[in-house]
Amino acid sequence: MNTRGRTQPFAHLDPRSARGLRLAVVRSRYNPEVVDGLLAGARETLRKLGADVRDVVLTDVPGAFELPLAAAAAARSGRFDAVVALGAVIKGETDHYEHIAREASHGLAAVARETGVPVGFGVLTVDREEQALARSAAGPDNKGAEAARAAVAMVHILRALRGRGRSTAARRQGKAR
């Protein structure tokens, strides 16, 4: 459990290894203080999961609106098992926030659906900068870390569903014999 009494996301999933996975991170350069915190969380999580973070390809884009196009290029390249998208959209005084947040989230979801490559969604959509800083700070509530865990988990889930690699159930059956 985290400090707010909620269970940690993905705590029920088998903590899969990122060892040997080919991973891309696409990062918005808008709101750099926040997004750099998300990146630090994602990198630390991937390292803990066994990824060689020197092999994780990092690509910067101008803002959250550009994340889906870069994620699509990475996913379609055939070079990556998963993509982690990191950005922050902080509400201002105009409707701009709603448009950017909607297009970033819809676009990244479409990339995953259309390519079959997992996309970890690490794009904050918040009302205030303080909220973004809290969600990008080091610790259990870092949304960059959560997006990295989700991307790695989805690689393994899709492999099991597609019959590539042995599922947990198949491994258990093999041990019982």
Protein backbone atom coordinates (compact mmCIF):
# COMPACT_ATOMS: atom_id res chain seq x y z
CA MET A 1 0.00 0.00 0.00
CA ASN A 2 1.11 3.53 -0.61
CA THR A 3 0.78 6.46 1.76
CA ARG A 4 -2.83 7.13 0.73
CA GLY A 5 -4.05 3.64 1.64
CA ARG A 6 -4.56 2.48 -1.96
CA THR A 7 -2.93 -0.64 -3.26
CA GLN A 8 0.01 -0.18 -5.59
CA PRO A 9 -0.88 -0.47 -9.27
CA PHE A 10 0.08 -3.84 -10.73
CA ALA A 11 0.81 -5.29 -7.28
CA HIS A 12 -1.34 -8.29 -8.24
CA LEU A 13 0.72 -8.96 -11.37
CA ASP A 14 3.75 -11.18 -11.43
CA PRO A 15 6.65 -8.68 -11.35
CA ARG A 16 8.09 -9.47 -14.74
CA SER A 17 11.63 -8.84 -15.75
CA ALA A 18 12.62 -6.18 -18.23
CA ARG A 19 15.89 -8.03 -18.85
CA GLY A 20 16.47 -8.30 -22.59
CA LEU A 21 13.49 -6.14 -23.54
CA ARG A 22 13.98 -3.48 -26.16
CA LEU A 23 12.41 -0.31 -24.79
CA ALA A 24 11.84 3.21 -26.06
CA VAL A 25 10.96 6.21 -23.96
CA VAL A 26 9.43 9.24 -25.64
CA ARG A 27 9.57 12.35 -23.49
CA SER A 28 7.92 15.73 -23.85
CA ARG A 29 10.31 18.61 -23.24
CA TYR A 30 7.46 20.89 -22.14
CA ASN A 31 7.31 21.18 -18.32
CA PRO A 32 10.86 19.79 -17.99
CA GLU A 33 11.07 19.83 -14.19
CA VAL A 34 8.03 17.56 -14.00
CA VAL A 35 8.88 15.33 -16.96
CA ASP A 36 12.47 14.84 -15.81
CA GLY A 37 11.06 13.49 -12.54
CA LEU A 38 8.86 11.08 -14.50
CA LEU A 39 11.89 9.98 -16.51
CA ALA A 40 13.92 9.38 -13.34
CA GLY A 41 11.11 7.22 -11.96
CA ALA A 42 10.79 5.25 -15.20
CA ARG A 43 14.54 4.68 -15.46
CA GLU A 44 14.84 3.54 -11.85
CA THR A 45 11.93 1.13 -12.26
CA LEU A 46 13.32 -0.31 -15.48
CA ARG A 47 16.71 -0.73 -13.80
CA LYS A 48 15.08 -2.56 -10.87
CA LEU A 49 13.24 -4.79 -13.35
CA GLY A 50 16.56 -5.78 -14.93
CA ALA A 51 16.72 -3.55 -18.00
CA ASP A 52 20.07 -2.16 -18.99
CA VAL A 53 19.05 1.50 -18.99
CA ARG A 54 21.95 2.33 -21.29
CA ASP A 55 20.07 0.35 -23.94
CA VAL A 56 16.77 2.18 -23.44
CA VAL A 57 16.34 4.58 -26.35
CA LEU A 58 15.24 8.06 -25.24
CA THR A 59 13.60 10.40 -27.74
CA ASP A 60 12.58 13.96 -26.93
CA VAL A 61 9.61 15.70 -28.55
CA PRO A 62 8.49 19.32 -28.11
CA GLY A 63 5.30 18.65 -26.16
CA ALA A 64 2.61 16.15 -25.18
CA PHE A 65 0.75 16.64 -28.47
CA GLU A 66 3.76 15.19 -30.33
CA LEU A 67 4.07 12.09 -28.12
CA PRO A 68 1.66 9.89 -30.15
CA LEU A 69 3.50 10.43 -33.43
CA ALA A 70 6.88 9.62 -31.90
CA ALA A 71 5.42 6.62 -30.05
CA ALA A 72 3.88 5.37 -33.32
CA ALA A 73 7.20 5.69 -35.14
CA ALA A 74 8.96 3.75 -32.38
CA ALA A 75 6.26 1.07 -32.24
CA ARG A 76 6.16 0.61 -36.02
CA SER A 77 9.94 0.47 -36.34
CA GLY A 78 10.03 -3.13 -35.13
CA ARG A 79 12.95 -2.20 -32.87
CA PHE A 80 11.06 -2.07 -29.58
CA ASP A 81 9.03 -4.41 -27.39
CA ALA A 82 7.35 -1.48 -25.64
CA VAL A 83 7.22 2.30 -25.53
CA VAL A 84 6.91 4.48 -22.44
CA ALA A 85 5.42 7.94 -23.07
CA LEU A 86 6.15 10.70 -20.54
CA GLY A 87 4.71 14.18 -20.42
CA ALA A 88 2.75 16.68 -18.38
CA VAL A 89 -0.23 18.82 -19.32
CA ILE A 90 -1.06 21.40 -16.67
CA LYS A 91 -4.36 23.24 -16.87
CA GLY A 92 -4.15 26.91 -17.72
CA GLU A 93 -6.70 29.64 -18.30
CA THR A 94 -7.81 28.45 -21.75
CA ASP A 95 -9.27 25.34 -23.39
CA HIS A 96 -5.81 24.41 -24.69
CA TYR A 97 -5.33 21.97 -21.80
CA GLU A 98 -8.40 19.89 -22.69
CA HIS A 99 -7.41 19.58 -26.34
CA ILE A 100 -3.81 18.58 -25.67
CA ALA A 101 -4.69 16.15 -22.86
CA ARG A 102 -7.40 14.48 -24.96
CA GLU A 103 -5.28 14.15 -28.09
CA ALA A 104 -2.25 12.85 -26.21
CA SER A 105 -4.27 10.18 -24.39
CA HIS A 106 -6.37 9.17 -27.40
CA GLY A 107 -3.32 9.17 -29.66
CA LEU A 108 -1.21 7.00 -27.36
CA ALA A 109 -4.06 4.54 -26.84
CA ALA A 110 -4.49 4.31 -30.62
CA VAL A 111 -0.78 3.59 -31.08
CA ALA A 112 -1.00 0.62 -28.73
CA ARG A 113 -4.20 -0.71 -30.33
CA GLU A 114 -3.06 -0.23 -33.92
CA THR A 115 0.49 -1.57 -33.55
CA GLY A 116 0.06 -4.19 -30.83
CA VAL A 117 3.08 -2.69 -29.06
CA PRO A 118 2.46 -1.76 -25.40
CA VAL A 119 2.58 1.94 -24.63
CA GLY A 120 3.03 2.90 -20.98
CA PHE A 121 0.97 6.04 -20.34
CA GLY A 122 3.03 8.40 -18.21
CA VAL A 123 1.35 11.65 -19.20
CA LEU A 124 0.12 13.71 -16.28
CA THR A 125 -3.05 15.75 -16.79
CA VAL A 126 -3.45 17.95 -13.74
CA ASP A 127 -4.99 21.23 -12.64
CA ARG A 128 -1.92 22.67 -10.88
CA GLU A 129 1.85 22.42 -11.08
CA GLU A 130 1.99 21.26 -7.44
CA GLN A 131 -0.04 18.18 -8.41
CA ALA A 132 2.34 17.42 -11.27
CA LEU A 133 5.39 17.81 -9.04
CA ALA A 134 3.88 15.44 -6.45
CA ARG A 135 3.19 12.79 -9.12
CA SER A 136 6.67 13.12 -10.60
CA ALA A 137 8.61 13.11 -7.32
CA ALA A 138 10.75 10.15 -6.31
CA GLY A 139 8.79 7.49 -4.47
CA PRO A 140 5.86 5.11 -4.81
CA ASP A 141 3.49 7.63 -6.42
CA ASN A 142 5.78 8.46 -9.37
CA LYS A 143 3.68 8.04 -12.52
CA GLY A 144 6.73 7.55 -14.74
CA ALA A 145 7.60 4.48 -12.71
CA GLU A 146 4.01 3.28 -12.98
CA ALA A 147 4.04 3.72 -16.77
CA ALA A 148 7.28 1.74 -17.05
CA ARG A 149 5.87 -1.11 -14.92
CA ALA A 150 2.71 -1.16 -17.03
CA ALA A 151 4.65 -1.32 -20.29
CA VAL A 152 6.83 -4.22 -19.09
CA ALA A 153 3.82 -6.06 -17.67
CA MET A 154 1.95 -5.69 -20.96
CA VAL A 155 4.87 -7.11 -22.96
CA HIS A 156 4.64 -10.29 -20.90
CA ILE A 157 0.85 -10.39 -20.91
CA LEU A 158 0.71 -10.05 -24.69
CA ARG A 159 3.41 -12.65 -25.17
CA ALA A 160 1.44 -15.10 -23.04
CA LEU A 161 -1.80 -14.35 -24.90
CA ARG A 162 -0.08 -14.72 -28.25
CA GLY A 163 1.65 -17.92 -27.20
CA ARG A 164 5.15 -16.41 -27.30
CA GLY A 165 6.87 -17.43 -24.13
CA ARG A 166 5.34 -19.56 -21.46
CA SER A 167 2.56 -18.20 -19.32
CA THR A 168 2.54 -18.57 -15.56
CA ALA A 169 -0.02 -21.38 -15.85
CA ALA A 170 2.16 -23.27 -18.35
CA ARG A 171 5.21 -22.92 -16.11
CA ARG A 172 3.23 -24.25 -13.15
CA GLN A 173 2.06 -27.25 -15.17
CA GLY A 174 5.63 -27.97 -16.25
CA LYS A 175 6.83 -27.91 -12.63
CA ALA A 176 4.01 -30.24 -11.52
CA ARG A 177 5.00 -32.97 -13.96
